[in-house]
Amino acid sequence: RQLVVIGYTDGFQVWDFSDPAASKELISKQDKAVLQARMLPCPLLPVDVAADVMGVACAPVMAYLHKSAPALVRLFSLKSHDDVHLLRLTEPAKSLQASRKFFAVGFAKSVELYDS
């Protein structure tokens, strides 16, 4: 899927552009100003792990930061249209990156890695 996240001063929207002739809005949420957002790919799971773990059960998931609270990373499920997890950080996040194995939060002088 080709998803586009648009952050506004009063929330965000997620659009699906997989079919350019029939693009559609997946979610529009009124909220605080979004500083940064990142779609998280569906995590790779070991064979012995159940498929109902949060990363898979809630997928697709978007991580985002409010401008007023950059030390809180919110994980938003496009399936349930709600925040499903909150990461409380010790300092403001500067960047969000993700792969199918890891979720990384970058700070001014360090990085925290989380297992997807």
PDB file of N, CA and C in Angstrom:
ATOM      1  N   ARG A   1       0.834  -1.191   0.000  1.00  0.00           N
ATOM      2  CA  ARG A   1       0.000   0.000   0.000  1.00  0.00           C
ATOM      3  C   ARG A   1       0.868   1.239   0.000  1.00  0.00           C
ATOM      4  N   GLN A   2       0.386   2.263  -0.657  1.00  0.00           N
ATOM      5  CA  GLN A   2       1.058   3.555  -0.646  1.00  0.00           C
ATOM      6  C   GLN A   2       0.205   4.518   0.175  1.00  0.00           C
ATOM      7  N   LEU A   3       0.663   4.767   1.400  1.00  0.00           N
ATOM      8  CA  LEU A   3      -0.081   5.622   2.322  1.00  0.00           C
ATOM      9  C   LEU A   3       0.640   6.955   2.483  1.00  0.00           C
ATOM     10  N   VAL A   4      -0.139   8.015   2.605  1.00  0.00           N
ATOM     11  CA  VAL A   4       0.386   9.351   2.839  1.00  0.00           C
ATOM     12  C   VAL A   4      -0.225   9.867   4.138  1.00  0.00           C
ATOM     13  N   VAL A   5       0.645  10.347   5.020  1.00  0.00           N
ATOM     14  CA  VAL A   5       0.203  10.927   6.289  1.00  0.00           C
ATOM     15  C   VAL A   5       0.377  12.440   6.189  1.00  0.00           C
ATOM     16  N   ILE A   6      -0.684  13.173   6.496  1.00  0.00           N
ATOM     17  CA  ILE A   6      -0.654  14.629   6.457  1.00  0.00           C
ATOM     18  C   ILE A   6      -0.930  15.134   7.865  1.00  0.00           C
ATOM     19  N   GLY A   7       0.027  15.872   8.424  1.00  0.00           N
ATOM     20  CA  GLY A   7      -0.131  16.440   9.755  1.00  0.00           C
ATOM     21  C   GLY A   7      -0.589  17.880   9.680  1.00  0.00           C
ATOM     22  N   TYR A   8      -1.503  18.247  10.543  1.00  0.00           N
ATOM     23  CA  TYR A   8      -2.056  19.602  10.593  1.00  0.00           C
ATOM     24  C   TYR A   8      -1.854  20.196  11.983  1.00  0.00           C
ATOM     25  N   THR A   9      -2.193  21.450  12.128  1.00  0.00           N
ATOM     26  CA  THR A   9      -2.122  22.091  13.446  1.00  0.00           C
ATOM     27  C   THR A   9      -3.218  21.571  14.376  1.00  0.00           C
ATOM     28  N   ASP A  10      -4.204  20.876  13.820  1.00  0.00           N
ATOM     29  CA  ASP A  10      -5.296  20.363  14.648  1.00  0.00           C
ATOM     30  C   ASP A  10      -5.601  18.891  14.373  1.00  0.00           C
ATOM     31  N   GLY A  11      -4.573  18.106  14.028  1.00  0.00           N
ATOM     32  CA  GLY A  11      -4.780  16.684  13.824  1.00  0.00           C
ATOM     33  C   GLY A  11      -4.010  16.132  12.652  1.00  0.00           C
ATOM     34  N   PHE A  12      -4.525  15.036  12.072  1.00  0.00           N
ATOM     35  CA  PHE A  12      -3.863  14.408  10.934  1.00  0.00           C
ATOM     36  C   PHE A  12      -4.860  13.643  10.074  1.00  0.00           C
ATOM     37  N   GLN A  13      -4.420  13.337   8.861  1.00  0.00           N
ATOM     38  CA  GLN A  13      -5.178  12.496   7.941  1.00  0.00           C
ATOM     39  C   GLN A  13      -4.234  11.451   7.365  1.00  0.00           C
ATOM     40  N   VAL A  14      -4.785  10.285   7.028  1.00  0.00           N
ATOM     41  CA  VAL A  14      -4.037   9.242   6.333  1.00  0.00           C
ATOM     42  C   VAL A  14      -4.811   8.903   5.070  1.00  0.00           C
ATOM     43  N   TRP A  15      -4.109   8.950   3.936  1.00  0.00           N
ATOM     44  CA  TRP A  15      -4.701   8.683   2.628  1.00  0.00           C
ATOM     45  C   TRP A  15      -4.050   7.472   2.000  1.00  0.00           C
ATOM     46  N   ASP A  16      -4.836   6.676   1.275  1.00  0.00           N
ATOM     47  CA  ASP A  16      -4.339   5.523   0.531  1.00  0.00           C
ATOM     48  C   ASP A  16      -4.299   5.892  -0.948  1.00  0.00           C
ATOM     49  N   PHE A  17      -3.075   5.900  -1.525  1.00  0.00           N
ATOM     50  CA  PHE A  17      -2.887   6.226  -2.934  1.00  0.00           C
ATOM     51  C   PHE A  17      -2.438   5.004  -3.733  1.00  0.00           C
ATOM     52  N   SER A  18      -2.792   3.799  -3.274  1.00  0.00           N
ATOM     53  CA  SER A  18      -2.418   2.584  -3.994  1.00  0.00           C
ATOM     54  C   SER A  18      -2.978   2.578  -5.407  1.00  0.00           C
ATOM     55  N   ASP A  19      -4.193   3.077  -5.562  1.00  0.00           N
ATOM     56  CA  ASP A  19      -4.812   3.219  -6.879  1.00  0.00           C
ATOM     57  C   ASP A  19      -5.020   4.715  -7.118  1.00  0.00           C
ATOM     58  N   PRO A  20      -4.159   5.338  -7.952  1.00  0.00           N
ATOM     59  CA  PRO A  20      -4.256   6.783  -8.162  1.00  0.00           C
ATOM     60  C   PRO A  20      -5.620   7.246  -8.680  1.00  0.00           C
ATOM     61  N   ALA A  21      -6.322   6.374  -9.385  1.00  0.00           N
ATOM     62  CA  ALA A  21      -7.632   6.751  -9.910  1.00  0.00           C
ATOM     63  C   ALA A  21      -8.712   6.717  -8.826  1.00  0.00           C
ATOM     64  N   ALA A  22      -8.420   6.028  -7.718  1.00  0.00           N
ATOM     65  CA  ALA A  22      -9.421   5.899  -6.655  1.00  0.00           C
ATOM     66  C   ALA A  22      -8.782   6.093  -5.283  1.00  0.00           C
ATOM     67  N   SER A  23      -8.028   7.175  -5.100  1.00  0.00           N
ATOM     68  CA  SER A  23      -7.429   7.436  -3.801  1.00  0.00           C
ATOM     69  C   SER A  23      -8.533   7.695  -2.775  1.00  0.00           C
ATOM     70  N   LYS A  24      -8.258   7.301  -1.517  1.00  0.00           N
ATOM     71  CA  LYS A  24      -9.302   7.472  -0.499  1.00  0.00           C
ATOM     72  C   LYS A  24      -8.685   7.818   0.844  1.00  0.00           C
ATOM     73  N   GLU A  25      -9.447   8.560   1.609  1.00  0.00           N
ATOM     74  CA  GLU A  25      -9.055   8.921   2.962  1.00  0.00           C
ATOM     75  C   GLU A  25      -9.352   7.751   3.880  1.00  0.00           C
ATOM     76  N   LEU A  26      -8.344   7.289   4.635  1.00  0.00           N
ATOM     77  CA  LEU A  26      -8.542   6.185   5.566  1.00  0.00           C
ATOM     78  C   LEU A  26      -8.955   6.677   6.945  1.00  0.00           C
ATOM     79  N   ILE A  27      -8.368   7.793   7.357  1.00  0.00           N
ATOM     80  CA  ILE A  27      -8.687   8.330   8.680  1.00  0.00           C
ATOM     81  C   ILE A  27      -8.447   9.836   8.687  1.00  0.00           C
ATOM     82  N   SER A  28      -9.281  10.530   9.414  1.00  0.00           N
ATOM     83  CA  SER A  28      -9.085  11.954   9.673  1.00  0.00           C
ATOM     84  C   SER A  28      -9.377  12.144  11.156  1.00  0.00           C
ATOM     85  N   LYS A  29      -8.349  12.544  11.895  1.00  0.00           N
ATOM     86  CA  LYS A  29      -8.505  12.664  13.346  1.00  0.00           C
ATOM     87  C   LYS A  29      -8.179  14.082  13.784  1.00  0.00           C
ATOM     88  N   GLN A  30      -9.134  14.720  14.463  1.00  0.00           N
ATOM     89  CA  GLN A  30      -8.874  16.031  15.041  1.00  0.00           C
ATOM     90  C   GLN A  30      -8.180  15.818  16.373  1.00  0.00           C
ATOM     91  N   ASP A  31      -7.062  16.496  16.545  1.00  0.00           N
ATOM     92  CA  ASP A  31      -6.211  16.288  17.699  1.00  0.00           C
ATOM     93  C   ASP A  31      -5.317  17.518  17.834  1.00  0.00           C
ATOM     94  N   LYS A  32      -4.258  17.408  18.581  1.00  0.00           N
ATOM     95  CA  LYS A  32      -3.293  18.504  18.692  1.00  0.00           C
ATOM     96  C   LYS A  32      -2.386  18.503  17.459  1.00  0.00           C
ATOM     97  N   ALA A  33      -1.563  19.527  17.343  1.00  0.00           N
ATOM     98  CA  ALA A  33      -0.647  19.639  16.209  1.00  0.00           C
ATOM     99  C   ALA A  33       0.322  18.460  16.179  1.00  0.00           C
ATOM    100  N   VAL A  34       0.495  17.868  15.000  1.00  0.00           N
ATOM    101  CA  VAL A  34       1.386  16.733  14.827  1.00  0.00           C
ATOM    102  C   VAL A  34       2.754  17.239  14.386  1.00  0.00           C
ATOM    103  N   LEU A  35       3.780  16.876  15.155  1.00  0.00           N
ATOM    104  CA  LEU A  35       5.147  17.286  14.854  1.00  0.00           C
ATOM    105  C   LEU A  35       5.778  16.341  13.830  1.00  0.00           C
ATOM    106  N   GLN A  36       5.530  15.032  13.979  1.00  0.00           N
ATOM    107  CA  GLN A  36       6.115  14.036  13.101  1.00  0.00           C
ATOM    108  C   GLN A  36       5.264  12.773  13.150  1.00  0.00           C
ATOM    109  N   ALA A  37       5.214  12.054  12.034  1.00  0.00           N
ATOM    110  CA  ALA A  37       4.454  10.799  11.976  1.00  0.00           C
ATOM    111  C   ALA A  37       5.191   9.810  11.082  1.00  0.00           C
ATOM    112  N   ARG A  38       5.042   8.524  11.374  1.00  0.00           N
ATOM    113  CA  ARG A  38       5.703   7.485  10.588  1.00  0.00           C
ATOM    114  C   ARG A  38       4.816   6.241  10.588  1.00  0.00           C
ATOM    115  N   MET A  39       4.512   5.736   9.401  1.00  0.00           N
ATOM    116  CA  MET A  39       3.792   4.461   9.302  1.00  0.00           C
ATOM    117  C   MET A  39       4.761   3.339   9.658  1.00  0.00           C
ATOM    118  N   LEU A  40       4.311   2.391  10.468  1.00  0.00           N
ATOM    119  CA  LEU A  40       5.153   1.269  10.865  1.00  0.00           C
ATOM    120  C   LEU A  40       4.806   0.054  10.014  1.00  0.00           C
ATOM    121  N   PRO A  41       5.809  -0.575   9.398  1.00  0.00           N
ATOM    122  CA  PRO A  41       5.517  -1.785   8.630  1.00  0.00           C
ATOM    123  C   PRO A  41       5.075  -2.903   9.566  1.00  0.00           C
ATOM    124  N   CYS A  42       4.315  -3.841   9.046  1.00  0.00           N
ATOM    125  CA  CYS A  42       3.868  -4.983   9.846  1.00  0.00           C
ATOM    126  C   CYS A  42       5.106  -5.758  10.291  1.00  0.00           C
ATOM    127  N   PRO A  43       5.248  -6.052  11.593  1.00  0.00           N
ATOM    128  CA  PRO A  43       6.472  -6.687  12.091  1.00  0.00           C
ATOM    129  C   PRO A  43       6.637  -8.131  11.612  1.00  0.00           C
ATOM    130  N   LEU A  44       7.898  -8.549  11.501  1.00  0.00           N
ATOM    131  CA  LEU A  44       8.213  -9.950  11.230  1.00  0.00           C
ATOM    132  C   LEU A  44       8.079 -10.708  12.541  1.00  0.00           C
ATOM    133  N   LEU A  45       7.412 -11.830  12.503  1.00  0.00           N
ATOM    134  CA  LEU A  45       7.219 -12.616  13.716  1.00  0.00           C
ATOM    135  C   LEU A  45       7.957 -13.942  13.618  1.00  0.00           C
ATOM    136  N   PRO A  46       8.586 -14.373  14.714  1.00  0.00           N
ATOM    137  CA  PRO A  46       9.142 -15.721  14.731  1.00  0.00           C
ATOM    138  C   PRO A  46       8.015 -16.737  14.588  1.00  0.00           C
ATOM    139  N   VAL A  47       8.347 -17.927  14.146  1.00  0.00           N
ATOM    140  CA  VAL A  47       7.342 -18.959  13.896  1.00  0.00           C
ATOM    141  C   VAL A  47       6.565 -19.315  15.161  1.00  0.00           C
ATOM    142  N   ASP A  48       7.211 -19.268  16.320  1.00  0.00           N
ATOM    143  CA  ASP A  48       6.576 -19.708  17.569  1.00  0.00           C
ATOM    144  C   ASP A  48       5.796 -18.608  18.293  1.00  0.00           C
ATOM    145  N   VAL A  49       5.566 -17.467  17.654  1.00  0.00           N
ATOM    146  CA  VAL A  49       4.835 -16.360  18.292  1.00  0.00           C
ATOM    147  C   VAL A  49       3.440 -16.249  17.681  1.00  0.00           C
ATOM    148  N   ALA A  50       2.438 -16.056  18.534  1.00  0.00           N
ATOM    149  CA  ALA A  50       1.054 -15.931  18.066  1.00  0.00           C
ATOM    150  C   ALA A  50       0.868 -14.655  17.263  1.00  0.00           C
ATOM    151  N   ALA A  51      -0.029 -14.691  16.300  1.00  0.00           N
ATOM    152  CA  ALA A  51      -0.270 -13.537  15.421  1.00  0.00           C
ATOM    153  C   ALA A  51      -1.142 -12.473  16.078  1.00  0.00           C
ATOM    154  N   ASP A  52      -1.561 -12.671  17.330  1.00  0.00           N
ATOM    155  CA  ASP A  52      -2.412 -11.682  17.982  1.00  0.00           C
ATOM    156  C   ASP A  52      -1.622 -10.700  18.844  1.00  0.00           C
ATOM    157  N   VAL A  53      -0.293 -10.660  18.715  1.00  0.00           N
ATOM    158  CA  VAL A  53       0.482  -9.676  19.453  1.00  0.00           C
ATOM    159  C   VAL A  53       0.148  -8.288  18.918  1.00  0.00           C
ATOM    160  N   MET A  54       0.388  -7.254  19.739  1.00  0.00           N
ATOM    161  CA  MET A  54      -0.102  -5.916  19.412  1.00  0.00           C
ATOM    162  C   MET A  54       0.301  -5.435  18.025  1.00  0.00           C
ATOM    163  N   GLY A  55       1.564  -5.546  17.635  1.00  0.00           N
ATOM    164  CA  GLY A  55       2.016  -5.009  16.367  1.00  0.00           C
ATOM    165  C   GLY A  55       1.290  -5.572  15.166  1.00  0.00           C
ATOM    166  N   VAL A  56       0.906  -6.842  15.243  1.00  0.00           N
ATOM    167  CA  VAL A  56       0.211  -7.483  14.132  1.00  0.00           C
ATOM    168  C   VAL A  56      -1.296  -7.299  14.253  1.00  0.00           C
ATOM    169  N   ALA A  57      -1.822  -7.479  15.445  1.00  0.00           N
ATOM    170  CA  ALA A  57      -3.266  -7.396  15.648  1.00  0.00           C
ATOM    171  C   ALA A  57      -3.813  -5.996  15.374  1.00  0.00           C
ATOM    172  N   CYS A  58      -2.994  -4.964  15.597  1.00  0.00           N
ATOM    173  CA  CYS A  58      -3.441  -3.578  15.416  1.00  0.00           C
ATOM    174  C   CYS A  58      -3.040  -2.988  14.066  1.00  0.00           C
ATOM    175  N   ALA A  59      -2.270  -3.727  13.283  1.00  0.00           N
ATOM    176  CA  ALA A  59      -1.737  -3.198  12.007  1.00  0.00           C
ATOM    177  C   ALA A  59      -2.855  -2.829  11.055  1.00  0.00           C
ATOM    178  N   PRO A  60      -2.643  -1.807  10.248  1.00  0.00           N
ATOM    179  CA  PRO A  60      -1.469  -0.944  10.192  1.00  0.00           C
ATOM    180  C   PRO A  60      -1.444   0.052  11.345  1.00  0.00           C
ATOM    181  N   VAL A  61      -0.207   0.375  11.782  1.00  0.00           N
ATOM    182  CA  VAL A  61       0.004   1.254  12.932  1.00  0.00           C
ATOM    183  C   VAL A  61       0.864   2.440  12.503  1.00  0.00           C
ATOM    184  N   MET A  62       0.530   3.608  13.043  1.00  0.00           N
ATOM    185  CA  MET A  62       1.284   4.822  12.788  1.00  0.00           C
ATOM    186  C   MET A  62       1.814   5.356  14.109  1.00  0.00           C
ATOM    187  N   ALA A  63       3.109   5.716  14.155  1.00  0.00           N
ATOM    188  CA  ALA A  63       3.691   6.376  15.320  1.00  0.00           C
ATOM    189  C   ALA A  63       3.674   7.875  15.057  1.00  0.00           C
ATOM    190  N   TYR A  64       3.318   8.656  16.062  1.00  0.00           N
ATOM    191  CA  TYR A  64       3.309  10.105  15.865  1.00  0.00           C
ATOM    192  C   TYR A  64       3.626  10.844  17.153  1.00  0.00           C
ATOM    193  N   LEU A  65       4.072  12.089  16.979  1.00  0.00           N
ATOM    194  CA  LEU A  65       4.408  12.973  18.088  1.00  0.00           C
ATOM    195  C   LEU A  65       3.542  14.214  18.012  1.00  0.00           C
ATOM    196  N   HIS A  66       3.003  14.631  19.153  1.00  0.00           N
ATOM    197  CA  HIS A  66       2.343  15.933  19.220  1.00  0.00           C
ATOM    198  C   HIS A  66       3.411  16.998  19.383  1.00  0.00           C
ATOM    199  N   LYS A  67       3.192  18.149  18.788  1.00  0.00           N
ATOM    200  CA  LYS A  67       4.143  19.258  18.905  1.00  0.00           C
ATOM    201  C   LYS A  67       4.279  19.694  20.356  1.00  0.00           C
ATOM    202  N   SER A  68       3.188  19.637  21.105  1.00  0.00           N
ATOM    203  CA  SER A  68       3.203  20.079  22.499  1.00  0.00           C
ATOM    204  C   SER A  68       3.777  19.042  23.459  1.00  0.00           C
ATOM    205  N   ALA A  69       3.981  17.797  23.006  1.00  0.00           N
ATOM    206  CA  ALA A  69       4.500  16.739  23.882  1.00  0.00           C
ATOM    207  C   ALA A  69       5.429  15.811  23.096  1.00  0.00           C
ATOM    208  N   PRO A  70       6.607  16.313  22.671  1.00  0.00           N
ATOM    209  CA  PRO A  70       7.491  15.489  21.846  1.00  0.00           C
ATOM    210  C   PRO A  70       8.189  14.356  22.604  1.00  0.00           C
ATOM    211  N   ALA A  71       7.978  14.247  23.907  1.00  0.00           N
ATOM    212  CA  ALA A  71       8.540  13.139  24.677  1.00  0.00           C
ATOM    213  C   ALA A  71       7.530  12.003  24.836  1.00  0.00           C
ATOM    214  N   LEU A  72       6.413  12.085  24.133  1.00  0.00           N
ATOM    215  CA  LEU A  72       5.407  11.025  24.141  1.00  0.00           C
ATOM    216  C   LEU A  72       5.193  10.551  22.710  1.00  0.00           C
ATOM    217  N   VAL A  73       5.506   9.288  22.455  1.00  0.00           N
ATOM    218  CA  VAL A  73       5.269   8.701  21.133  1.00  0.00           C
ATOM    219  C   VAL A  73       3.975   7.912  21.219  1.00  0.00           C
ATOM    220  N   ARG A  74       3.021   8.275  20.402  1.00  0.00           N
ATOM    221  CA  ARG A  74       1.734   7.575  20.377  1.00  0.00           C
ATOM    222  C   ARG A  74       1.703   6.614  19.200  1.00  0.00           C
ATOM    223  N   LEU A  75       1.184   5.413  19.438  1.00  0.00           N
ATOM    224  CA  LEU A  75       0.999   4.431  18.374  1.00  0.00           C
ATOM    225  C   LEU A  75      -0.495   4.342  18.095  1.00  0.00           C
ATOM    226  N   PHE A  76      -0.859   4.664  16.865  1.00  0.00           N
ATOM    227  CA  PHE A  76      -2.255   4.774  16.445  1.00  0.00           C
ATOM    228  C   PHE A  76      -2.569   3.647  15.471  1.00  0.00           C
ATOM    229  N   SER A  77      -3.613   2.876  15.750  1.00  0.00           N
ATOM    230  CA  SER A  77      -4.042   1.781  14.878  1.00  0.00           C
ATOM    231  C   SER A  77      -5.035   2.299  13.844  1.00  0.00           C
ATOM    232  N   LEU A  78      -4.715   2.087  12.573  1.00  0.00           N
ATOM    233  CA  LEU A  78      -5.658   2.459  11.523  1.00  0.00           C
ATOM    234  C   LEU A  78      -6.824   1.481  11.468  1.00  0.00           C
ATOM    235  N   LYS A  79      -6.667   0.323  12.082  1.00  0.00           N
ATOM    236  CA  LYS A  79      -7.748  -0.661  12.130  1.00  0.00           C
ATOM    237  C   LYS A  79      -8.819  -0.248  13.142  1.00  0.00           C
ATOM    238  N   SER A  80      -8.388   0.124  14.353  1.00  0.00           N
ATOM    239  CA  SER A  80      -9.354   0.479  15.409  1.00  0.00           C
ATOM    240  C   SER A  80      -9.613   1.982  15.493  1.00  0.00           C
ATOM    241  N   HIS A  81      -8.845   2.803  14.762  1.00  0.00           N
ATOM    242  CA  HIS A  81      -8.967   4.264  14.769  1.00  0.00           C
ATOM    243  C   HIS A  81      -8.780   4.833  16.169  1.00  0.00           C
ATOM    244  N   ASP A  82      -7.782   4.296  16.877  1.00  0.00           N
ATOM    245  CA  ASP A  82      -7.526   4.750  18.239  1.00  0.00           C
ATOM    246  C   ASP A  82      -6.055   4.554  18.583  1.00  0.00           C
ATOM    247  N   ASP A  83      -5.581   5.310  19.571  1.00  0.00           N
ATOM    248  CA  ASP A  83      -4.233   5.095  20.077  1.00  0.00           C
ATOM    249  C   ASP A  83      -4.210   3.764  20.816  1.00  0.00           C
ATOM    250  N   VAL A  84      -3.214   2.923  20.508  1.00  0.00           N
ATOM    251  CA  VAL A  84      -3.136   1.594  21.125  1.00  0.00           C
ATOM    252  C   VAL A  84      -1.962   1.464  22.084  1.00  0.00           C
ATOM    253  N   HIS A  85      -1.039   2.438  22.043  1.00  0.00           N
ATOM    254  CA  HIS A  85       0.107   2.378  22.956  1.00  0.00           C
ATOM    255  C   HIS A  85       0.721   3.769  23.087  1.00  0.00           C
ATOM    256  N   LEU A  86       1.366   4.018  24.214  1.00  0.00           N
ATOM    257  CA  LEU A  86       2.020   5.289  24.476  1.00  0.00           C
ATOM    258  C   LEU A  86       3.408   5.006  25.026  1.00  0.00           C
ATOM    259  N   LEU A  87       4.440   5.543  24.365  1.00  0.00           N
ATOM    260  CA  LEU A  87       5.815   5.441  24.857  1.00  0.00           C
ATOM    261  C   LEU A  87       6.163   6.745  25.553  1.00  0.00           C
ATOM    262  N   ARG A  88       6.502   6.667  26.830  1.00  0.00           N
ATOM    263  CA  ARG A  88       6.912   7.855  27.591  1.00  0.00           C
ATOM    264  C   ARG A  88       8.439   7.904  27.563  1.00  0.00           C
ATOM    265  N   LEU A  89       8.981   8.948  26.954  1.00  0.00           N
ATOM    266  CA  LEU A  89      10.418   9.070  26.781  1.00  0.00           C
ATOM    267  C   LEU A  89      11.012  10.030  27.809  1.00  0.00           C
ATOM    268  N   THR A  90      12.319   9.938  28.016  1.00  0.00           N
ATOM    269  CA  THR A  90      12.983  10.791  29.000  1.00  0.00           C
ATOM    270  C   THR A  90      13.373  12.150  28.428  1.00  0.00           C
ATOM    271  N   GLU A  91      13.357  12.285  27.094  1.00  0.00           N
ATOM    272  CA  GLU A  91      13.664  13.555  26.443  1.00  0.00           C
ATOM    273  C   GLU A  91      12.872  13.638  25.142  1.00  0.00           C
ATOM    274  N   PRO A  92      12.763  14.814  24.553  1.00  0.00           N
ATOM    275  CA  PRO A  92      11.995  14.948  23.308  1.00  0.00           C
ATOM    276  C   PRO A  92      12.607  14.145  22.160  1.00  0.00           C
ATOM    277  N   ALA A  93      11.756  13.483  21.411  1.00  0.00           N
ATOM    278  CA  ALA A  93      12.198  12.719  20.245  1.00  0.00           C
ATOM    279  C   ALA A  93      12.481  13.679  19.095  1.00  0.00           C
ATOM    280  N   LYS A  94      13.523  13.369  18.330  1.00  0.00           N
ATOM    281  CA  LYS A  94      13.884  14.173  17.157  1.00  0.00           C
ATOM    282  C   LYS A  94      13.506  13.464  15.862  1.00  0.00           C
ATOM    283  N   SER A  95      13.463  12.111  15.888  1.00  0.00           N
ATOM    284  CA  SER A  95      13.106  11.368  14.675  1.00  0.00           C
ATOM    285  C   SER A  95      12.498  10.022  15.033  1.00  0.00           C
ATOM    286  N   LEU A  96      11.686   9.517  14.120  1.00  0.00           N
ATOM    287  CA  LEU A  96      11.061   8.200  14.233  1.00  0.00           C
ATOM    288  C   LEU A  96      11.418   7.423  12.970  1.00  0.00           C
ATOM    289  N   GLN A  97      11.917   6.203  13.137  1.00  0.00           N
ATOM    290  CA  GLN A  97      12.239   5.333  12.009  1.00  0.00           C
ATOM    291  C   GLN A  97      11.731   3.938  12.334  1.00  0.00           C
ATOM    292  N   ALA A  98      11.416   3.168  11.285  1.00  0.00           N
ATOM    293  CA  ALA A  98      10.877   1.836  11.533  1.00  0.00           C
ATOM    294  C   ALA A  98      11.268   0.871  10.423  1.00  0.00           C
ATOM    295  N   SER A  99      11.419  -0.384  10.815  1.00  0.00           N
ATOM    296  CA  SER A  99      11.587  -1.488   9.876  1.00  0.00           C
ATOM    297  C   SER A  99      10.669  -2.603  10.368  1.00  0.00           C
ATOM    298  N   ARG A 100      10.698  -3.731   9.687  1.00  0.00           N
ATOM    299  CA  ARG A 100       9.849  -4.844  10.119  1.00  0.00           C
ATOM    300  C   ARG A 100      10.383  -5.507  11.382  1.00  0.00           C
ATOM    301  N   LYS A 101      11.616  -5.206  11.783  1.00  0.00           N
ATOM    302  CA  LYS A 101      12.207  -5.794  12.986  1.00  0.00           C
ATOM    303  C   LYS A 101      12.310  -4.824  14.155  1.00  0.00           C
ATOM    304  N   PHE A 102      12.533  -3.516  13.856  1.00  0.00           N
ATOM    305  CA  PHE A 102      12.784  -2.548  14.916  1.00  0.00           C
ATOM    306  C   PHE A 102      12.012  -1.255  14.707  1.00  0.00           C
ATOM    307  N   PHE A 103      11.769  -0.572  15.825  1.00  0.00           N
ATOM    308  CA  PHE A 103      11.232   0.785  15.816  1.00  0.00           C
ATOM    309  C   PHE A 103      12.270   1.628  16.546  1.00  0.00           C
ATOM    310  N   ALA A 104      12.749   2.694  15.912  1.00  0.00           N
ATOM    311  CA  ALA A 104      13.808   3.513  16.493  1.00  0.00           C
ATOM    312  C   ALA A 104      13.299   4.929  16.763  1.00  0.00           C
ATOM    313  N   VAL A 105      13.667   5.439  17.931  1.00  0.00           N
ATOM    314  CA  VAL A 105      13.368   6.816  18.303  1.00  0.00           C
ATOM    315  C   VAL A 105      14.703   7.522  18.477  1.00  0.00           C
ATOM    316  N   GLY A 106      14.930   8.557  17.664  1.00  0.00           N
ATOM    317  CA  GLY A 106      16.182   9.298  17.732  1.00  0.00           C
ATOM    318  C   GLY A 106      16.051  10.522  18.617  1.00  0.00           C
ATOM    319  N   PHE A 107      17.089  10.762  19.397  1.00  0.00           N
ATOM    320  CA  PHE A 107      17.163  11.933  20.270  1.00  0.00           C
ATOM    321  C   PHE A 107      18.308  12.819  19.793  1.00  0.00           C
ATOM    322  N   ALA A 108      18.595  13.880  20.505  1.00  0.00           N
ATOM    323  CA  ALA A 108      19.663  14.797  20.112  1.00  0.00           C
ATOM    324  C   ALA A 108      21.019  14.089  20.065  1.00  0.00           C
ATOM    325  N   LYS A 109      21.294  13.194  21.032  1.00  0.00           N
ATOM    326  CA  LYS A 109      22.611  12.548  21.091  1.00  0.00           C
ATOM    327  C   LYS A 109      22.550  11.030  21.210  1.00  0.00           C
ATOM    328  N   SER A 110      21.383  10.423  21.094  1.00  0.00           N
ATOM    329  CA  SER A 110      21.292   8.970  21.234  1.00  0.00           C
ATOM    330  C   SER A 110      20.068   8.438  20.492  1.00  0.00           C
ATOM    331  N   VAL A 111      19.937   7.121  20.475  1.00  0.00           N
ATOM    332  CA  VAL A 111      18.821   6.438  19.814  1.00  0.00           C
ATOM    333  C   VAL A 111      18.330   5.336  20.735  1.00  0.00           C
ATOM    334  N   GLU A 112      17.028   5.145  20.807  1.00  0.00           N
ATOM    335  CA  GLU A 112      16.438   3.997  21.509  1.00  0.00           C
ATOM    336  C   GLU A 112      15.833   3.074  20.471  1.00  0.00           C
ATOM    337  N   LEU A 113      16.106   1.774  20.578  1.00  0.00           N
ATOM    338  CA  LEU A 113      15.551   0.769  19.673  1.00  0.00           C
ATOM    339  C   LEU A 113      14.530  -0.069  20.421  1.00  0.00           C
ATOM    340  N   TYR A 114      13.418  -0.326  19.761  1.00  0.00           N
ATOM    341  CA  TYR A 114      12.372  -1.181  20.308  1.00  0.00           C
ATOM    342  C   TYR A 114      12.150  -2.323  19.330  1.00  0.00           C
ATOM    343  N   ASP A 115      11.930  -3.512  19.863  1.00  0.00           N
ATOM    344  CA  ASP A 115      11.640  -4.673  19.043  1.00  0.00           C
ATOM    345  C   ASP A 115      10.218  -4.543  18.503  1.00  0.00           C
ATOM    346  N   SER A 116      10.065  -4.736  17.193  1.00  0.00           N
ATOM    347  CA  SER A 116       8.732  -4.607  16.604  1.00  0.00           C
ATOM    348  C   SER A 116       7.840  -5.717  17.092  1.00  0.00           C
TER     349      SER A 116
END
